[in-house]
Amino acid sequence: MKKKSIIIGIIVVIVVVISIYLLTSSKVLCSMNHSYSEQTTNTSAVGFLGETGDRIKFSFRSNIESGDLDIILYDSEGNEVYELDRAKELETFFNLSNSDTYTLVADCSNFTGSYSIKVYKAN
């Protein structure tokens, strides 16, 4: 009987820990990744809904062999809201000032290499 109670206790603790993790973990709002072996000039975009005061996290990784890569966040009216610094790896935060549909744009110019970016709603 004691063994059964210990097993039930362990299961309850595991369920509680998993529940807490799921409730407090960051939510992915959007992501994109591309790899180009030949020089490419193009633009890729993904969108997400954001609320006033949301704190968002950008998680960015790149391997730029040549050319330029600009990552820019726009609001629904096409206004530039935030531009990520150029870096090989970057984790940065930004607070949204308005409820809106936002578009994250990756603008490649004569670009060879790869990049990956995820945008999270941070807690």
PDB file of N, CA and C in Angstrom:
ATOM      1  N   MET A   1       0.822  -1.192   0.000  1.00  0.00           N
ATOM      2  CA  MET A   1       0.000   0.000   0.000  1.00  0.00           C
ATOM      3  C   MET A   1       0.868   1.259   0.000  1.00  0.00           C
ATOM      4  N   LYS A   2       1.978   1.230   0.752  1.00  0.00           N
ATOM      5  CA  LYS A   2       2.865   2.382   0.831  1.00  0.00           C
ATOM      6  C   LYS A   2       3.512   2.637  -0.537  1.00  0.00           C
ATOM      7  N   LYS A   3       3.874   1.574  -1.224  1.00  0.00           N
ATOM      8  CA  LYS A   3       4.494   1.671  -2.536  1.00  0.00           C
ATOM      9  C   LYS A   3       3.532   2.331  -3.534  1.00  0.00           C
ATOM     10  N   LYS A   4       2.267   1.963  -3.466  1.00  0.00           N
ATOM     11  CA  LYS A   4       1.245   2.516  -4.345  1.00  0.00           C
ATOM     12  C   LYS A   4       1.066   4.012  -4.086  1.00  0.00           C
ATOM     13  N   SER A   5       1.091   4.435  -2.837  1.00  0.00           N
ATOM     14  CA  SER A   5       0.956   5.850  -2.479  1.00  0.00           C
ATOM     15  C   SER A   5       2.142   6.668  -2.993  1.00  0.00           C
ATOM     16  N   ILE A   6       3.335   6.106  -2.935  1.00  0.00           N
ATOM     17  CA  ILE A   6       4.535   6.794  -3.423  1.00  0.00           C
ATOM     18  C   ILE A   6       4.444   6.987  -4.939  1.00  0.00           C
ATOM     19  N   ILE A   7       4.008   5.958  -5.646  1.00  0.00           N
ATOM     20  CA  ILE A   7       3.873   6.046  -7.105  1.00  0.00           C
ATOM     21  C   ILE A   7       2.826   7.095  -7.483  1.00  0.00           C
ATOM     22  N   ILE A   8       1.705   7.106  -6.797  1.00  0.00           N
ATOM     23  CA  ILE A   8       0.660   8.105  -7.058  1.00  0.00           C
ATOM     24  C   ILE A   8       1.193   9.504  -6.757  1.00  0.00           C
ATOM     25  N   GLY A   9       1.930   9.656  -5.683  1.00  0.00           N
ATOM     26  CA  GLY A   9       2.530  10.947  -5.328  1.00  0.00           C
ATOM     27  C   GLY A   9       3.499  11.438  -6.400  1.00  0.00           C
ATOM     28  N   ILE A  10       4.327  10.549  -6.924  1.00  0.00           N
ATOM     29  CA  ILE A  10       5.281  10.908  -7.979  1.00  0.00           C
ATOM     30  C   ILE A  10       4.535  11.337  -9.245  1.00  0.00           C
ATOM     31  N   ILE A  11       3.496  10.606  -9.597  1.00  0.00           N
ATOM     32  CA  ILE A  11       2.705  10.946 -10.786  1.00  0.00           C
ATOM     33  C   ILE A  11       2.059  12.321 -10.621  1.00  0.00           C
ATOM     34  N   VAL A  12       1.517  12.608  -9.449  1.00  0.00           N
ATOM     35  CA  VAL A  12       0.893  13.907  -9.197  1.00  0.00           C
ATOM     36  C   VAL A  12       1.937  15.025  -9.321  1.00  0.00           C
ATOM     37  N   VAL A  13       3.106  14.833  -8.757  1.00  0.00           N
ATOM     38  CA  VAL A  13       4.165  15.843  -8.837  1.00  0.00           C
ATOM     39  C   VAL A  13       4.561  16.077 -10.297  1.00  0.00           C
ATOM     40  N   ILE A  14       4.703  15.021 -11.075  1.00  0.00           N
ATOM     41  CA  ILE A  14       5.071  15.151 -12.492  1.00  0.00           C
ATOM     42  C   ILE A  14       4.004  15.926 -13.254  1.00  0.00           C
ATOM     43  N   VAL A  15       2.742  15.613 -13.020  1.00  0.00           N
ATOM     44  CA  VAL A  15       1.643  16.312 -13.697  1.00  0.00           C
ATOM     45  C   VAL A  15       1.640  17.794 -13.317  1.00  0.00           C
ATOM     46  N   VAL A  16       1.859  18.109 -12.060  1.00  0.00           N
ATOM     47  CA  VAL A  16       1.889  19.506 -11.608  1.00  0.00           C
ATOM     48  C   VAL A  16       3.053  20.251 -12.266  1.00  0.00           C
ATOM     49  N   VAL A  17       4.226  19.645 -12.303  1.00  0.00           N
ATOM     50  CA  VAL A  17       5.399  20.287 -12.914  1.00  0.00           C
ATOM     51  C   VAL A  17       5.159  20.544 -14.398  1.00  0.00           C
ATOM     52  N   ILE A  18       4.628  19.571 -15.110  1.00  0.00           N
ATOM     53  CA  ILE A  18       4.336  19.740 -16.536  1.00  0.00           C
ATOM     54  C   ILE A  18       3.295  20.837 -16.737  1.00  0.00           C
ATOM     55  N   SER A  19       2.279  20.873 -15.923  1.00  0.00           N
ATOM     56  CA  SER A  19       1.235  21.897 -16.031  1.00  0.00           C
ATOM     57  C   SER A  19       1.802  23.293 -15.811  1.00  0.00           C
ATOM     58  N   ILE A  20       2.632  23.450 -14.813  1.00  0.00           N
ATOM     59  CA  ILE A  20       3.258  24.751 -14.538  1.00  0.00           C
ATOM     60  C   ILE A  20       4.130  25.169 -15.715  1.00  0.00           C
ATOM     61  N   TYR A  21       4.901  24.243 -16.256  1.00  0.00           N
ATOM     62  CA  TYR A  21       5.758  24.542 -17.402  1.00  0.00           C
ATOM     63  C   TYR A  21       4.921  25.013 -18.593  1.00  0.00           C
ATOM     64  N   LEU A  22       3.849  24.316 -18.909  1.00  0.00           N
ATOM     65  CA  LEU A  22       3.018  24.671 -20.053  1.00  0.00           C
ATOM     66  C   LEU A  22       2.336  26.021 -19.867  1.00  0.00           C
ATOM     67  N   LEU A  23       1.957  26.346 -18.655  1.00  0.00           N
ATOM     68  CA  LEU A  23       1.297  27.618 -18.387  1.00  0.00           C
ATOM     69  C   LEU A  23       2.257  28.797 -18.397  1.00  0.00           C
ATOM     70  N   THR A  24       3.527  28.575 -18.081  1.00  0.00           N
ATOM     71  CA  THR A  24       4.480  29.673 -17.977  1.00  0.00           C
ATOM     72  C   THR A  24       5.455  29.755 -19.144  1.00  0.00           C
ATOM     73  N   SER A  25       5.458  28.783 -20.030  1.00  0.00           N
ATOM     74  CA  SER A  25       6.407  28.818 -21.142  1.00  0.00           C
ATOM     75  C   SER A  25       5.973  29.854 -22.180  1.00  0.00           C
ATOM     76  N   SER A  26       6.949  30.337 -22.935  1.00  0.00           N
ATOM     77  CA  SER A  26       6.686  31.331 -23.972  1.00  0.00           C
ATOM     78  C   SER A  26       5.923  30.705 -25.126  1.00  0.00           C
ATOM     79  N   LYS A  27       5.046  31.497 -25.732  1.00  0.00           N
ATOM     80  CA  LYS A  27       4.233  31.043 -26.857  1.00  0.00           C
ATOM     81  C   LYS A  27       4.870  31.536 -28.157  1.00  0.00           C
ATOM     82  N   VAL A  28       5.112  30.624 -29.107  1.00  0.00           N
ATOM     83  CA  VAL A  28       5.671  31.013 -30.401  1.00  0.00           C
ATOM     84  C   VAL A  28       4.584  31.732 -31.200  1.00  0.00           C
ATOM     85  N   LEU A  29       4.875  32.972 -31.616  1.00  0.00           N
ATOM     86  CA  LEU A  29       3.942  33.751 -32.419  1.00  0.00           C
ATOM     87  C   LEU A  29       4.151  33.521 -33.910  1.00  0.00           C
ATOM     88  N   CYS A  30       5.406  33.398 -34.324  1.00  0.00           N
ATOM     89  CA  CYS A  30       5.721  33.126 -35.721  1.00  0.00           C
ATOM     90  C   CYS A  30       7.179  32.713 -35.822  1.00  0.00           C
ATOM     91  N   SER A  31       7.514  32.126 -36.948  1.00  0.00           N
ATOM     92  CA  SER A  31       8.904  31.742 -37.184  1.00  0.00           C
ATOM     93  C   SER A  31       9.151  31.641 -38.683  1.00  0.00           C
ATOM     94  N   MET A  32      10.422  31.757 -39.057  1.00  0.00           N
ATOM     95  CA  MET A  32      10.817  31.519 -40.436  1.00  0.00           C
ATOM     96  C   MET A  32      12.289  31.130 -40.458  1.00  0.00           C
ATOM     97  N   ASN A  33      12.631  30.313 -41.439  1.00  0.00           N
ATOM     98  CA  ASN A  33      14.037  29.976 -41.647  1.00  0.00           C
ATOM     99  C   ASN A  33      14.240  29.652 -43.117  1.00  0.00           C
ATOM    100  N   HIS A  34      15.372  30.071 -43.614  1.00  0.00           N
ATOM    101  CA  HIS A  34      15.705  29.854 -45.019  1.00  0.00           C
ATOM    102  C   HIS A  34      17.200  29.605 -45.145  1.00  0.00           C
ATOM    103  N   SER A  35      17.546  28.902 -46.207  1.00  0.00           N
ATOM    104  CA  SER A  35      18.936  28.633 -46.529  1.00  0.00           C
ATOM    105  C   SER A  35      19.106  28.817 -48.034  1.00  0.00           C
ATOM    106  N   TYR A  36      20.109  29.591 -48.421  1.00  0.00           N
ATOM    107  CA  TYR A  36      20.366  29.867 -49.827  1.00  0.00           C
ATOM    108  C   TYR A  36      21.821  29.538 -50.152  1.00  0.00           C
ATOM    109  N   SER A  37      22.017  28.637 -51.115  1.00  0.00           N
ATOM    110  CA  SER A  37      23.379  28.251 -51.509  1.00  0.00           C
ATOM    111  C   SER A  37      23.903  29.121 -52.648  1.00  0.00           C
ATOM    112  N   GLU A  38      23.004  29.857 -53.317  1.00  0.00           N
ATOM    113  CA  GLU A  38      23.399  30.792 -54.360  1.00  0.00           C
ATOM    114  C   GLU A  38      22.896  32.175 -53.980  1.00  0.00           C
ATOM    115  N   GLN A  39      23.582  33.220 -54.455  1.00  0.00           N
ATOM    116  CA  GLN A  39      23.181  34.582 -54.121  1.00  0.00           C
ATOM    117  C   GLN A  39      21.712  34.808 -54.466  1.00  0.00           C
ATOM    118  N   THR A  40      20.981  35.346 -53.508  1.00  0.00           N
ATOM    119  CA  THR A  40      19.548  35.555 -53.647  1.00  0.00           C
ATOM    120  C   THR A  40      19.183  36.946 -53.163  1.00  0.00           C
ATOM    121  N   THR A  41      18.276  37.585 -53.887  1.00  0.00           N
ATOM    122  CA  THR A  41      17.700  38.853 -53.446  1.00  0.00           C
ATOM    123  C   THR A  41      16.189  38.638 -53.404  1.00  0.00           C
ATOM    124  N   ASN A  42      15.642  38.617 -52.202  1.00  0.00           N
ATOM    125  CA  ASN A  42      14.194  38.441 -52.043  1.00  0.00           C
ATOM    126  C   ASN A  42      13.754  38.887 -50.660  1.00  0.00           C
ATOM    127  N   THR A  43      12.446  38.835 -50.464  1.00  0.00           N
ATOM    128  CA  THR A  43      11.863  39.217 -49.180  1.00  0.00           C
ATOM    129  C   THR A  43      10.911  38.118 -48.733  1.00  0.00           C
ATOM    130  N   SER A  44      11.025  37.716 -47.478  1.00  0.00           N
ATOM    131  CA  SER A  44      10.109  36.753 -46.865  1.00  0.00           C
ATOM    132  C   SER A  44       9.415  37.441 -45.704  1.00  0.00           C
ATOM    133  N   ALA A  45       8.170  37.063 -45.450  1.00  0.00           N
ATOM    134  CA  ALA A  45       7.421  37.718 -44.382  1.00  0.00           C
ATOM    135  C   ALA A  45       6.487  36.732 -43.688  1.00  0.00           C
ATOM    136  N   VAL A  46       6.296  36.943 -42.400  1.00  0.00           N
ATOM    137  CA  VAL A  46       5.318  36.206 -41.601  1.00  0.00           C
ATOM    138  C   VAL A  46       4.623  37.217 -40.692  1.00  0.00           C
ATOM    139  N   GLY A  47       3.389  36.918 -40.323  1.00  0.00           N
ATOM    140  CA  GLY A  47       2.630  37.846 -39.495  1.00  0.00           C
ATOM    141  C   GLY A  47       2.134  37.214 -38.211  1.00  0.00           C
ATOM    142  N   PHE A  48       1.782  38.077 -37.265  1.00  0.00           N
ATOM    143  CA  PHE A  48       1.205  37.622 -36.004  1.00  0.00           C
ATOM    144  C   PHE A  48       0.385  38.748 -35.393  1.00  0.00           C
ATOM    145  N   LEU A  49      -0.553  38.376 -34.536  1.00  0.00           N
ATOM    146  CA  LEU A  49      -1.359  39.346 -33.800  1.00  0.00           C
ATOM    147  C   LEU A  49      -0.674  39.675 -32.487  1.00  0.00           C
ATOM    148  N   GLY A  50      -0.626  40.951 -32.167  1.00  0.00           N
ATOM    149  CA  GLY A  50      -0.035  41.386 -30.911  1.00  0.00           C
ATOM    150  C   GLY A  50      -0.959  42.341 -30.191  1.00  0.00           C
ATOM    151  N   GLU A  51      -0.879  42.351 -28.887  1.00  0.00           N
ATOM    152  CA  GLU A  51      -1.710  43.225 -28.052  1.00  0.00           C
ATOM    153  C   GLU A  51      -0.841  44.297 -27.397  1.00  0.00           C
ATOM    154  N   THR A  52      -1.460  45.431 -27.112  1.00  0.00           N
ATOM    155  CA  THR A  52      -0.761  46.516 -26.425  1.00  0.00           C
ATOM    156  C   THR A  52      -0.105  45.985 -25.151  1.00  0.00           C
ATOM    157  N   GLY A  53       1.168  46.275 -24.995  1.00  0.00           N
ATOM    158  CA  GLY A  53       1.900  45.862 -23.802  1.00  0.00           C
ATOM    159  C   GLY A  53       2.533  44.485 -23.884  1.00  0.00           C
ATOM    160  N   ASP A  54       2.220  43.711 -24.934  1.00  0.00           N
ATOM    161  CA  ASP A  54       2.859  42.393 -25.066  1.00  0.00           C
ATOM    162  C   ASP A  54       4.373  42.565 -25.147  1.00  0.00           C
ATOM    163  N   ARG A  55       5.064  41.726 -24.422  1.00  0.00           N
ATOM    164  CA  ARG A  55       6.527  41.693 -24.496  1.00  0.00           C
ATOM    165  C   ARG A  55       6.884  40.525 -25.402  1.00  0.00           C
ATOM    166  N   ILE A  56       7.550  40.824 -26.513  1.00  0.00           N
ATOM    167  CA  ILE A  56       7.901  39.758 -27.432  1.00  0.00           C
ATOM    168  C   ILE A  56       9.406  39.535 -27.429  1.00  0.00           C
ATOM    169  N   LYS A  57       9.764  38.302 -27.691  1.00  0.00           N
ATOM    170  CA  LYS A  57      11.168  37.908 -27.711  1.00  0.00           C
ATOM    171  C   LYS A  57      11.529  37.442 -29.118  1.00  0.00           C
ATOM    172  N   PHE A  58      12.619  37.968 -29.638  1.00  0.00           N
ATOM    173  CA  PHE A  58      13.159  37.522 -30.907  1.00  0.00           C
ATOM    174  C   PHE A  58      14.332  36.589 -30.617  1.00  0.00           C
ATOM    175  N   SER A  59      14.318  35.424 -31.212  1.00  0.00           N
ATOM    176  CA  SER A  59      15.424  34.473 -31.098  1.00  0.00           C
ATOM    177  C   SER A  59      15.945  34.243 -32.518  1.00  0.00           C
ATOM    178  N   PHE A  60      17.129  34.761 -32.812  1.00  0.00           N
ATOM    179  CA  PHE A  60      17.653  34.811 -34.172  1.00  0.00           C
ATOM    180  C   PHE A  60      19.014  34.123 -34.262  1.00  0.00           C
ATOM    181  N   ARG A  61      19.207  33.365 -35.328  1.00  0.00           N
ATOM    182  CA  ARG A  61      20.486  32.714 -35.630  1.00  0.00           C
ATOM    183  C   ARG A  61      20.733  32.889 -37.123  1.00  0.00           C
ATOM    184  N   SER A  62      21.998  33.146 -37.507  1.00  0.00           N
ATOM    185  CA  SER A  62      22.308  33.272 -38.922  1.00  0.00           C
ATOM    186  C   SER A  62      23.720  32.782 -39.223  1.00  0.00           C
ATOM    187  N   ASN A  63      23.902  32.430 -40.472  1.00  0.00           N
ATOM    188  CA  ASN A  63      25.212  32.101 -41.014  1.00  0.00           C
ATOM    189  C   ASN A  63      25.286  32.828 -42.356  1.00  0.00           C
ATOM    190  N   ILE A  64      25.754  34.060 -42.321  1.00  0.00           N
ATOM    191  CA  ILE A  64      25.802  34.887 -43.522  1.00  0.00           C
ATOM    192  C   ILE A  64      27.162  34.696 -44.189  1.00  0.00           C
ATOM    193  N   GLU A  65      27.140  34.078 -45.365  1.00  0.00           N
ATOM    194  CA  GLU A  65      28.364  33.870 -46.116  1.00  0.00           C
ATOM    195  C   GLU A  65      28.684  35.084 -46.981  1.00  0.00           C
ATOM    196  N   SER A  66      27.637  35.720 -47.533  1.00  0.00           N
ATOM    197  CA  SER A  66      27.823  36.954 -48.302  1.00  0.00           C
ATOM    198  C   SER A  66      26.488  37.685 -48.390  1.00  0.00           C
ATOM    199  N   GLY A  67      26.565  38.966 -48.745  1.00  0.00           N
ATOM    200  CA  GLY A  67      25.363  39.767 -48.914  1.00  0.00           C
ATOM    201  C   GLY A  67      24.835  40.345 -47.618  1.00  0.00           C
ATOM    202  N   ASP A  68      23.623  40.852 -47.698  1.00  0.00           N
ATOM    203  CA  ASP A  68      22.995  41.520 -46.555  1.00  0.00           C
ATOM    204  C   ASP A  68      21.682  40.847 -46.190  1.00  0.00           C
ATOM    205  N   LEU A  69      21.381  40.885 -44.897  1.00  0.00           N
ATOM    206  CA  LEU A  69      20.129  40.364 -44.364  1.00  0.00           C
ATOM    207  C   LEU A  69      19.616  41.354 -43.326  1.00  0.00           C
ATOM    208  N   ASP A  70      18.435  41.893 -43.571  1.00  0.00           N
ATOM    209  CA  ASP A  70      17.808  42.812 -42.628  1.00  0.00           C
ATOM    210  C   ASP A  70      16.509  42.179 -42.134  1.00  0.00           C
ATOM    211  N   ILE A  71      16.319  42.177 -40.816  1.00  0.00           N
ATOM    212  CA  ILE A  71      15.110  41.648 -40.193  1.00  0.00           C
ATOM    213  C   ILE A  71      14.382  42.828 -39.549  1.00  0.00           C
ATOM    214  N   ILE A  72      13.157  43.107 -40.041  1.00  0.00           N
ATOM    215  CA  ILE A  72      12.429  44.298 -39.612  1.00  0.00           C
ATOM    216  C   ILE A  72      10.992  43.918 -39.260  1.00  0.00           C
ATOM    217  N   LEU A  73      10.471  44.521 -38.189  1.00  0.00           N
ATOM    218  CA  LEU A  73       9.093  44.335 -37.765  1.00  0.00           C
ATOM    219  C   LEU A  73       8.283  45.561 -38.179  1.00  0.00           C
ATOM    220  N   TYR A  74       7.149  45.312 -38.859  1.00  0.00           N
ATOM    221  CA  TYR A  74       6.264  46.378 -39.322  1.00  0.00           C
ATOM    222  C   TYR A  74       4.893  46.227 -38.685  1.00  0.00           C
ATOM    223  N   ASP A  75       4.186  47.367 -38.534  1.00  0.00           N
ATOM    224  CA  ASP A  75       2.795  47.310 -38.104  1.00  0.00           C
ATOM    225  C   ASP A  75       1.902  47.144 -39.339  1.00  0.00           C
ATOM    226  N   SER A  76       0.580  47.105 -39.139  1.00  0.00           N
ATOM    227  CA  SER A  76      -0.342  46.849 -40.245  1.00  0.00           C
ATOM    228  C   SER A  76      -0.402  47.987 -41.261  1.00  0.00           C
ATOM    229  N   GLU A  77       0.076  49.169 -40.886  1.00  0.00           N
ATOM    230  CA  GLU A  77       0.093  50.298 -41.816  1.00  0.00           C
ATOM    231  C   GLU A  77       1.406  50.399 -42.574  1.00  0.00           C
ATOM    232  N   GLY A  78       2.312  49.451 -42.342  1.00  0.00           N
ATOM    233  CA  GLY A  78       3.598  49.447 -43.047  1.00  0.00           C
ATOM    234  C   GLY A  78       4.671  50.286 -42.397  1.00  0.00           C
ATOM    235  N   ASN A  79       4.419  50.741 -41.172  1.00  0.00           N
ATOM    236  CA  ASN A  79       5.425  51.518 -40.441  1.00  0.00           C
ATOM    237  C   ASN A  79       6.440  50.586 -39.799  1.00  0.00           C
ATOM    238  N   GLU A  80       7.713  50.926 -39.918  1.00  0.00           N
ATOM    239  CA  GLU A  80       8.753  50.147 -39.253  1.00  0.00           C
ATOM    240  C   GLU A  80       8.642  50.356 -37.751  1.00  0.00           C
ATOM    241  N   VAL A  81       8.527  49.249 -37.024  1.00  0.00           N
ATOM    242  CA  VAL A  81       8.356  49.302 -35.583  1.00  0.00           C
ATOM    243  C   VAL A  81       9.669  48.978 -34.875  1.00  0.00           C
ATOM    244  N   TYR A  82      10.421  48.033 -35.439  1.00  0.00           N
ATOM    245  CA  TYR A  82      11.648  47.573 -34.786  1.00  0.00           C
ATOM    246  C   TYR A  82      12.534  46.895 -35.823  1.00  0.00           C
ATOM    247  N   GLU A  83      13.835  47.171 -35.764  1.00  0.00           N
ATOM    248  CA  GLU A  83      14.789  46.494 -36.627  1.00  0.00           C
ATOM    249  C   GLU A  83      15.800  45.761 -35.752  1.00  0.00           C
ATOM    250  N   LEU A  84      15.982  44.490 -36.025  1.00  0.00           N
ATOM    251  CA  LEU A  84      16.945  43.705 -35.261  1.00  0.00           C
ATOM    252  C   LEU A  84      18.360  44.107 -35.639  1.00  0.00           C
ATOM    253  N   ASP A  85      19.227  44.107 -34.649  1.00  0.00           N
ATOM    254  CA  ASP A  85      20.637  44.343 -34.910  1.00  0.00           C
ATOM    255  C   ASP A  85      21.187  43.195 -35.735  1.00  0.00           C
ATOM    256  N   ARG A  86      22.192  43.488 -36.513  1.00  0.00           N
ATOM    257  CA  ARG A  86      22.844  42.427 -37.286  1.00  0.00           C
ATOM    258  C   ARG A  86      23.752  41.660 -36.343  1.00  0.00           C
ATOM    259  N   ALA A  87      23.592  40.348 -36.365  1.00  0.00           N
ATOM    260  CA  ALA A  87      24.367  39.500 -35.463  1.00  0.00           C
ATOM    261  C   ALA A  87      24.309  38.066 -35.959  1.00  0.00           C
ATOM    262  N   LYS A  88      25.245  37.270 -35.491  1.00  0.00           N
ATOM    263  CA  LYS A  88      25.220  35.848 -35.815  1.00  0.00           C
ATOM    264  C   LYS A  88      24.161  35.151 -34.964  1.00  0.00           C
ATOM    265  N   GLU A  89      24.075  35.549 -33.701  1.00  0.00           N
ATOM    266  CA  GLU A  89      23.057  35.051 -32.774  1.00  0.00           C
ATOM    267  C   GLU A  89      22.545  36.223 -31.961  1.00  0.00           C
ATOM    268  N   LEU A  90      21.232  36.219 -31.721  1.00  0.00           N
ATOM    269  CA  LEU A  90      20.636  37.345 -31.013  1.00  0.00           C
ATOM    270  C   LEU A  90      19.389  36.891 -30.276  1.00  0.00           C
ATOM    271  N   GLU A  91      19.293  37.269 -29.020  1.00  0.00           N
ATOM    272  CA  GLU A  91      18.082  37.097 -28.212  1.00  0.00           C
ATOM    273  C   GLU A  91      17.772  38.495 -27.684  1.00  0.00           C
ATOM    274  N   THR A  92      16.632  39.045 -28.107  1.00  0.00           N
ATOM    275  CA  THR A  92      16.288  40.393 -27.679  1.00  0.00           C
ATOM    276  C   THR A  92      14.783  40.510 -27.462  1.00  0.00           C
ATOM    277  N   PHE A  93      14.383  41.525 -26.708  1.00  0.00           N
ATOM    278  CA  PHE A  93      12.985  41.729 -26.355  1.00  0.00           C
ATOM    279  C   PHE A  93      12.504  43.081 -26.866  1.00  0.00           C
ATOM    280  N   PHE A  94      11.183  43.158 -27.092  1.00  0.00           N
ATOM    281  CA  PHE A  94      10.558  44.400 -27.538  1.00  0.00           C
ATOM    282  C   PHE A  94       9.126  44.421 -27.013  1.00  0.00           C
ATOM    283  N   ASN A  95       8.684  45.588 -26.522  1.00  0.00           N
ATOM    284  CA  ASN A  95       7.310  45.743 -26.036  1.00  0.00           C
ATOM    285  C   ASN A  95       6.455  46.400 -27.110  1.00  0.00           C
ATOM    286  N   LEU A  96       5.328  45.764 -27.423  1.00  0.00           N
ATOM    287  CA  LEU A  96       4.421  46.299 -28.430  1.00  0.00           C
ATOM    288  C   LEU A  96       3.627  47.463 -27.843  1.00  0.00           C
ATOM    289  N   SER A  97       3.543  48.550 -28.603  1.00  0.00           N
ATOM    290  CA  SER A  97       2.834  49.727 -28.094  1.00  0.00           C
ATOM    291  C   SER A  97       1.368  49.756 -28.497  1.00  0.00           C
ATOM    292  N   ASN A  98       0.980  48.914 -29.481  1.00  0.00           N
ATOM    293  CA  ASN A  98      -0.402  48.905 -29.953  1.00  0.00           C
ATOM    294  C   ASN A  98      -0.882  47.489 -30.227  1.00  0.00           C
ATOM    295  N   SER A  99      -2.183  47.282 -30.106  1.00  0.00           N
ATOM    296  CA  SER A  99      -2.792  46.033 -30.564  1.00  0.00           C
ATOM    297  C   SER A  99      -2.884  46.125 -32.078  1.00  0.00           C
ATOM    298  N   ASP A 100      -2.328  45.136 -32.769  1.00  0.00           N
ATOM    299  CA  ASP A 100      -2.234  45.235 -34.219  1.00  0.00           C
ATOM    300  C   ASP A 100      -1.822  43.888 -34.804  1.00  0.00           C
ATOM    301  N   THR A 101      -1.868  43.805 -36.122  1.00  0.00           N
ATOM    302  CA  THR A 101      -1.284  42.685 -36.840  1.00  0.00           C
ATOM    303  C   THR A 101       0.108  43.133 -37.277  1.00  0.00           C
ATOM    304  N   TYR A 102       1.100  42.428 -36.842  1.00  0.00           N
ATOM    305  CA  TYR A 102       2.492  42.777 -37.135  1.00  0.00           C
ATOM    306  C   TYR A 102       3.049  41.824 -38.183  1.00  0.00           C
ATOM    307  N   THR A 103       3.983  42.347 -38.989  1.00  0.00           N
ATOM    308  CA  THR A 103       4.640  41.553 -40.019  1.00  0.00           C
ATOM    309  C   THR A 103       6.140  41.602 -39.798  1.00  0.00           C
ATOM    310  N   LEU A 104       6.738  40.428 -39.695  1.00  0.00           N
ATOM    311  CA  LEU A 104       8.182  40.313 -39.581  1.00  0.00           C
ATOM    312  C   LEU A 104       8.729  40.007 -40.969  1.00  0.00           C
ATOM    313  N   VAL A 105       9.650  40.844 -41.435  1.00  0.00           N
ATOM    314  CA  VAL A 105      10.175  40.742 -42.795  1.00  0.00           C
ATOM    315  C   VAL A 105      11.665  40.445 -42.750  1.00  0.00           C
ATOM    316  N   ALA A 106      12.085  39.470 -43.562  1.00  0.00           N
ATOM    317  CA  ALA A 106      13.502  39.185 -43.782  1.00  0.00           C
ATOM    318  C   ALA A 106      13.821  39.630 -45.194  1.00  0.00           C
ATOM    319  N   ASP A 107      14.641  40.658 -45.305  1.00  0.00           N
ATOM    320  CA  ASP A 107      14.992  41.229 -46.598  1.00  0.00           C
ATOM    321  C   ASP A 107      16.419  40.820 -46.946  1.00  0.00           C
ATOM    322  N   CYS A 108      16.559  39.968 -47.963  1.00  0.00           N
ATOM    323  CA  CYS A 108      17.863  39.463 -48.396  1.00  0.00           C
ATOM    324  C   CYS A 108      18.314  40.207 -49.642  1.00  0.00           C
ATOM    325  N   SER A 109      19.568  40.619 -49.660  1.00  0.00           N
ATOM    326  CA  SER A 109      20.139  41.298 -50.813  1.00  0.00           C
ATOM    327  C   SER A 109      21.473  40.640 -51.156  1.00  0.00           C
ATOM    328  N   ASN A 110      21.535  40.002 -52.329  1.00  0.00           N
ATOM    329  CA  ASN A 110      22.732  39.259 -52.742  1.00  0.00           C
ATOM    330  C   ASN A 110      23.200  38.327 -51.620  1.00  0.00           C
ATOM    331  N   PHE A 111      22.253  37.686 -50.997  1.00  0.00           N
ATOM    332  CA  PHE A 111      22.486  36.898 -49.781  1.00  0.00           C
ATOM    333  C   PHE A 111      22.802  35.437 -50.099  1.00  0.00           C
ATOM    334  N   THR A 112      23.840  34.943 -49.463  1.00  0.00           N
ATOM    335  CA  THR A 112      24.165  33.516 -49.453  1.00  0.00           C
ATOM    336  C   THR A 112      24.344  33.129 -47.989  1.00  0.00           C
ATOM    337  N   GLY A 113      23.701  32.062 -47.572  1.00  0.00           N
ATOM    338  CA  GLY A 113      23.802  31.620 -46.192  1.00  0.00           C
ATOM    339  C   GLY A 113      22.464  31.125 -45.685  1.00  0.00           C
ATOM    340  N   SER A 114      22.298  31.200 -44.390  1.00  0.00           N
ATOM    341  CA  SER A 114      21.058  30.719 -43.779  1.00  0.00           C
ATOM    342  C   SER A 114      20.697  31.591 -42.587  1.00  0.00           C
ATOM    343  N   TYR A 115      19.420  31.532 -42.224  1.00  0.00           N
ATOM    344  CA  TYR A 115      18.962  32.225 -41.024  1.00  0.00           C
ATOM    345  C   TYR A 115      17.725  31.528 -40.480  1.00  0.00           C
ATOM    346  N   SER A 116      17.502  31.737 -39.208  1.00  0.00           N
ATOM    347  CA  SER A 116      16.344  31.202 -38.513  1.00  0.00           C
ATOM    348  C   SER A 116      15.924  32.221 -37.457  1.00  0.00           C
ATOM    349  N   ILE A 117      14.629  32.504 -37.412  1.00  0.00           N
ATOM    350  CA  ILE A 117      14.138  33.421 -36.397  1.00  0.00           C
ATOM    351  C   ILE A 117      12.795  32.933 -35.872  1.00  0.00           C
ATOM    352  N   LYS A 118      12.639  33.037 -34.559  1.00  0.00           N
ATOM    353  CA  LYS A 118      11.368  32.743 -33.906  1.00  0.00           C
ATOM    354  C   LYS A 118      10.994  33.957 -33.073  1.00  0.00           C
ATOM    355  N   VAL A 119       9.694  34.248 -33.065  1.00  0.00           N
ATOM    356  CA  VAL A 119       9.176  35.340 -32.241  1.00  0.00           C
ATOM    357  C   VAL A 119       8.229  34.718 -31.224  1.00  0.00           C
ATOM    358  N   TYR A 120       8.488  35.004 -29.955  1.00  0.00           N
ATOM    359  CA  TYR A 120       7.706  34.457 -28.850  1.00  0.00           C
ATOM    360  C   TYR A 120       6.974  35.573 -28.117  1.00  0.00           C
ATOM    361  N   LYS A 121       5.837  35.230 -27.547  1.00  0.00           N
ATOM    362  CA  LYS A 121       5.216  36.121 -26.562  1.00  0.00           C
ATOM    363  C   LYS A 121       5.835  35.736 -25.232  1.00  0.00           C
ATOM    364  N   ALA A 122       6.626  36.649 -24.686  1.00  0.00           N
ATOM    365  CA  ALA A 122       7.338  36.373 -23.436  1.00  0.00           C
ATOM    366  C   ALA A 122       6.421  36.605 -22.255  1.00  0.00           C
ATOM    367  N   ASN A 123       6.636  35.820 -21.209  1.00  0.00           N
ATOM    368  CA  ASN A 123       5.826  35.967 -19.984  1.00  0.00           C
ATOM    369  C   ASN A 123       6.502  36.891 -19.009  1.00  0.00           C
TER     370      ASN A 123
END
